[in-house]
Amino acid sequence: MTQAPIAAAAIGESEIRPRPPWLVALLELLSENLYEVWWYGRSWWELQRARNDPSMRPVWHALAMYVPIYGLFRLHAHYRVLNETAAGAGATDRVSPSLMVALAVVRAFIGGVAAWMVLSVTIPAMIDLINAAATATPGVVPATPRIALPPSVFVLTLVGFAIGVWQLYRGQEILNAYYATQPAAPAPRVLSIEWFFVVLFALRFLSDALQYARGGT
């Protein structure tokens, strides 16, 4: 049986805060999926306010997302509540919570494979360094080995980033669809602090990309 949409509470004009979905996607990519920790907590707080539900705890909800297995249930709940809140206000945009969970499983698998590939390269190199240090002539420091990661690690990492980017992009679209039903809803806008983090995360992303391009870790 399909659950009836829960009516969302009307909120004040000053409390409406739509963000451009492209901004959310860009921050998620440049932060290498770190931005989502804030987004899941912040959007849950906005949903809590819209539904006037004090039982929704944004901080614990965001942290619970990263608990193995249980986090998948919280992820499903997040997008289900997004759908319900938007539907209760008359918005028509929807996303499949089950699809989001399936993508999270794929992302976790991809991350595990990439981590195993990194460890399979770095651990032997570290062992060789320890052995070289043990057998080196006294006073001679052995050269640190250069660790070259296979290109497949980069590809898998980008796929993982892309999944997280799309999840947040769709989530923000639905949240914006809810906000659009509110009286005098403003257009999505970018705050100065968000531009600051775009630049900050871009510098970090560029640094990581250059480090990988040099063929080392």
Protein backbone atom coordinates (compact mmCIF):
# COMPACT_ATOMS: atom_id res chain seq x y z
CA MET A 1 0.00 0.00 0.00
CA THR A 2 1.37 3.40 -0.99
CA GLN A 3 1.72 5.80 1.91
CA ALA A 4 -0.22 9.04 1.53
CA PRO A 5 1.97 12.15 1.23
CA ILE A 6 2.51 14.00 4.48
CA ALA A 7 1.47 17.62 4.28
CA ALA A 8 4.42 19.97 4.65
CA ALA A 9 4.20 23.03 6.84
CA ALA A 10 4.36 26.48 5.27
CA ILE A 11 7.57 28.30 6.19
CA GLY A 12 8.48 31.96 6.22
CA GLU A 13 9.98 33.67 3.19
CA SER A 14 13.21 34.42 5.06
CA GLU A 15 13.65 30.71 5.86
CA ILE A 16 13.43 29.51 2.26
CA ARG A 17 16.92 28.62 1.04
CA PRO A 18 17.00 26.92 -2.35
CA ARG A 19 20.46 26.26 -3.76
CA PRO A 20 21.37 25.69 -7.42
CA PRO A 21 21.70 21.91 -7.90
CA TRP A 22 24.84 22.53 -9.98
CA LEU A 23 26.44 24.20 -6.93
CA VAL A 24 25.71 21.21 -4.73
CA ALA A 25 27.09 18.89 -7.41
CA LEU A 26 30.23 21.01 -7.87
CA LEU A 27 30.96 21.15 -4.13
CA GLU A 28 30.46 17.40 -3.85
CA LEU A 29 32.88 16.73 -6.70
CA LEU A 30 35.58 19.21 -5.69
CA SER A 31 35.44 18.12 -2.04
CA GLU A 32 35.83 14.50 -3.16
CA ASN A 33 32.51 13.53 -1.53
CA LEU A 34 33.20 15.32 1.78
CA TYR A 35 30.52 17.97 1.18
CA GLU A 36 27.78 15.36 1.43
CA VAL A 37 28.29 15.05 5.19
CA TRP A 38 27.16 18.66 5.57
CA TRP A 39 24.47 18.43 2.88
CA TYR A 40 22.72 15.43 4.37
CA GLY A 41 22.67 17.06 7.79
CA ARG A 42 21.61 20.47 6.52
CA SER A 43 18.87 19.17 4.22
CA TRP A 44 17.55 16.94 7.02
CA TRP A 45 17.34 20.03 9.21
CA GLU A 46 15.42 21.83 6.49
CA LEU A 47 13.06 18.86 6.19
CA GLN A 48 12.66 18.82 9.97
CA ARG A 49 11.60 22.46 9.85
CA ALA A 50 9.26 21.89 6.91
CA ARG A 51 7.54 18.97 8.63
CA ASN A 52 7.69 20.50 12.12
CA ASP A 53 9.06 17.19 13.40
CA PRO A 54 11.40 17.54 16.42
CA SER A 55 12.17 13.81 16.33
CA MET A 56 14.34 14.37 13.24
CA ARG A 57 17.90 14.95 14.47
CA PRO A 58 20.12 16.31 11.68
CA VAL A 59 23.55 15.67 13.24
CA TRP A 60 22.85 12.07 14.22
CA HIS A 61 21.13 11.46 10.91
CA ALA A 62 24.15 12.66 8.92
CA LEU A 63 26.58 10.61 11.02
CA ALA A 64 24.36 7.52 10.83
CA MET A 65 24.72 7.61 7.05
CA TYR A 66 28.24 6.21 7.47
CA VAL A 67 27.38 3.34 9.79
CA PRO A 68 27.74 0.08 7.81
CA ILE A 69 24.39 -1.41 6.72
CA TYR A 70 22.35 0.89 8.98
CA GLY A 71 23.48 3.85 6.91
CA LEU A 72 21.66 2.40 3.89
CA PHE A 73 18.38 2.52 5.81
CA ARG A 74 19.05 6.14 6.74
CA LEU A 75 19.84 6.97 3.12
CA HIS A 76 16.56 5.38 2.03
CA ALA A 77 14.74 7.36 4.73
CA HIS A 78 16.35 10.60 3.58
CA TYR A 79 15.09 10.38 0.02
CA ARG A 80 11.74 8.95 1.11
CA VAL A 81 11.19 11.96 3.39
CA LEU A 82 12.29 14.28 0.60
CA ASN A 83 9.66 12.74 -1.67
CA GLU A 84 6.96 12.90 0.99
CA THR A 85 7.69 16.51 1.87
CA ALA A 86 7.68 17.61 -1.76
CA ALA A 87 4.49 15.65 -2.47
CA GLY A 88 2.78 17.06 0.60
CA ALA A 89 3.39 20.57 -0.71
CA GLY A 90 2.13 19.74 -4.18
CA ALA A 91 5.47 19.31 -5.99
CA THR A 92 5.67 16.51 -8.54
CA ASP A 93 9.40 15.76 -8.77
CA ARG A 94 10.40 12.39 -7.25
CA VAL A 95 13.43 10.14 -6.94
CA SER A 96 13.60 6.45 -6.12
CA PRO A 97 15.00 5.89 -2.60
CA SER A 98 15.73 2.27 -3.53
CA LEU A 99 17.80 3.41 -6.50
CA MET A 100 19.79 5.70 -4.22
CA VAL A 101 20.49 2.79 -1.89
CA ALA A 102 21.54 0.57 -4.81
CA LEU A 103 23.91 3.28 -6.04
CA ALA A 104 25.36 3.61 -2.54
CA VAL A 105 26.08 -0.14 -2.51
CA VAL A 106 27.79 0.13 -5.90
CA ARG A 107 29.78 3.11 -4.68
CA ALA A 108 30.91 1.25 -1.56
CA PHE A 109 31.97 -1.74 -3.66
CA ILE A 110 33.91 0.49 -6.05
CA GLY A 111 35.59 2.23 -3.12
CA GLY A 112 36.57 -1.12 -1.62
CA VAL A 113 38.11 -2.30 -4.89
CA ALA A 114 40.03 0.96 -5.31
CA ALA A 115 41.31 0.77 -1.72
CA TRP A 116 42.46 -2.83 -2.23
CA MET A 117 44.33 -1.82 -5.39
CA VAL A 118 46.05 1.04 -3.56
CA LEU A 119 47.06 -1.22 -0.67
CA SER A 120 48.30 -3.91 -3.05
CA VAL A 121 50.80 -1.36 -4.41
CA THR A 122 51.72 0.62 -1.31
CA ILE A 123 52.17 -2.22 1.20
CA PRO A 124 54.86 -4.11 -0.83
CA ALA A 125 56.65 -0.80 -1.43
CA MET A 126 56.68 -0.03 2.30
CA ILE A 127 57.93 -3.53 3.09
CA ASP A 128 60.75 -3.07 0.58
CA LEU A 129 61.62 0.26 2.21
CA ILE A 130 61.73 -1.32 5.68
CA ASN A 131 63.95 -4.16 4.41
CA ALA A 132 66.24 -1.70 2.64
CA ALA A 133 66.57 0.35 5.82
CA ALA A 134 67.40 -2.76 7.83
CA THR A 135 70.17 -3.83 5.46
CA ALA A 136 71.52 -0.40 4.52
CA THR A 137 75.00 0.77 5.36
CA PRO A 138 75.00 2.67 8.66
CA GLY A 139 74.47 6.38 8.06
CA VAL A 140 72.95 5.85 4.62
CA VAL A 141 69.24 6.59 4.31
CA PRO A 142 67.56 4.45 1.63
CA ALA A 143 65.63 6.29 -1.06
CA THR A 144 61.88 6.42 -0.59
CA PRO A 145 60.26 4.31 -3.30
CA ARG A 146 58.01 6.06 -5.81
CA ILE A 147 54.58 4.46 -5.80
CA ALA A 148 52.74 4.57 -9.12
CA LEU A 149 49.05 3.78 -8.90
CA PRO A 150 47.36 2.02 -11.83
CA PRO A 151 45.03 4.20 -13.97
CA SER A 152 42.08 2.01 -12.97
CA VAL A 153 42.27 3.48 -9.45
CA PHE A 154 41.68 6.94 -10.90
CA VAL A 155 38.76 5.71 -13.01
CA LEU A 156 37.11 3.91 -10.08
CA THR A 157 37.57 6.95 -7.88
CA LEU A 158 35.90 9.22 -10.43
CA VAL A 159 32.98 6.81 -10.76
CA GLY A 160 32.53 6.90 -6.99
CA PHE A 161 32.63 10.70 -7.05
CA ALA A 162 30.08 10.78 -9.89
CA ILE A 163 27.60 8.65 -7.95
CA GLY A 164 27.77 10.92 -4.92
CA VAL A 165 27.45 14.00 -7.15
CA TRP A 166 24.30 12.69 -8.83
CA GLN A 167 22.69 11.69 -5.53
CA LEU A 168 23.08 15.18 -4.10
CA TYR A 169 22.09 16.85 -7.36
CA ARG A 170 18.77 14.98 -7.45
CA GLY A 171 18.18 15.50 -3.75
CA GLN A 172 18.65 19.25 -4.11
CA GLU A 173 16.33 19.32 -7.12
CA ILE A 174 13.54 17.77 -5.05
CA LEU A 175 14.22 20.08 -2.12
CA ASN A 176 14.06 23.04 -4.50
CA ALA A 177 10.80 21.69 -5.94
CA TYR A 178 9.37 21.78 -2.43
CA TYR A 179 10.62 25.33 -1.86
CA ALA A 180 9.12 26.44 -5.17
CA THR A 181 5.65 25.65 -3.77
CA GLN A 182 6.14 28.13 -0.92
CA PRO A 183 4.79 31.69 -1.17
CA ALA A 184 7.28 34.22 -2.57
CA ALA A 185 9.98 31.59 -2.97
CA PRO A 186 13.23 33.21 -4.17
CA ALA A 187 15.31 31.83 -7.02
CA PRO A 188 18.17 29.50 -6.08
CA ARG A 189 21.23 31.54 -5.16
CA VAL A 190 24.87 31.10 -4.19
CA LEU A 191 26.16 32.63 -0.96
CA SER A 192 29.63 34.17 -0.60
CA ILE A 193 30.68 31.43 1.86
CA GLU A 194 29.75 28.83 -0.75
CA TRP A 195 31.93 30.49 -3.36
CA PHE A 196 34.74 30.47 -0.80
CA PHE A 197 34.41 26.72 -0.37
CA VAL A 198 34.21 26.19 -4.13
CA VAL A 199 37.63 27.85 -4.43
CA LEU A 200 39.04 26.04 -1.39
CA PHE A 201 37.88 22.62 -2.55
CA ALA A 202 39.01 23.35 -6.11
CA LEU A 203 42.56 24.00 -4.91
CA ARG A 204 42.54 20.77 -2.94
CA PHE A 205 41.10 18.82 -5.87
CA LEU A 206 43.71 20.27 -8.23
CA SER A 207 46.49 19.39 -5.80
CA ASP A 208 45.30 15.78 -5.57
CA ALA A 209 44.95 15.54 -9.35
CA LEU A 210 48.47 16.87 -9.94
CA GLN A 211 49.88 14.48 -7.39
CA TYR A 212 48.25 11.56 -9.16
CA ALA A 213 49.41 12.84 -12.57
CA ARG A 214 53.01 12.78 -11.31
CA GLY A 215 52.56 9.05 -10.79
CA GLY A 216 53.01 8.89 -7.04
CA THR A 217 51.17 8.85 -3.75
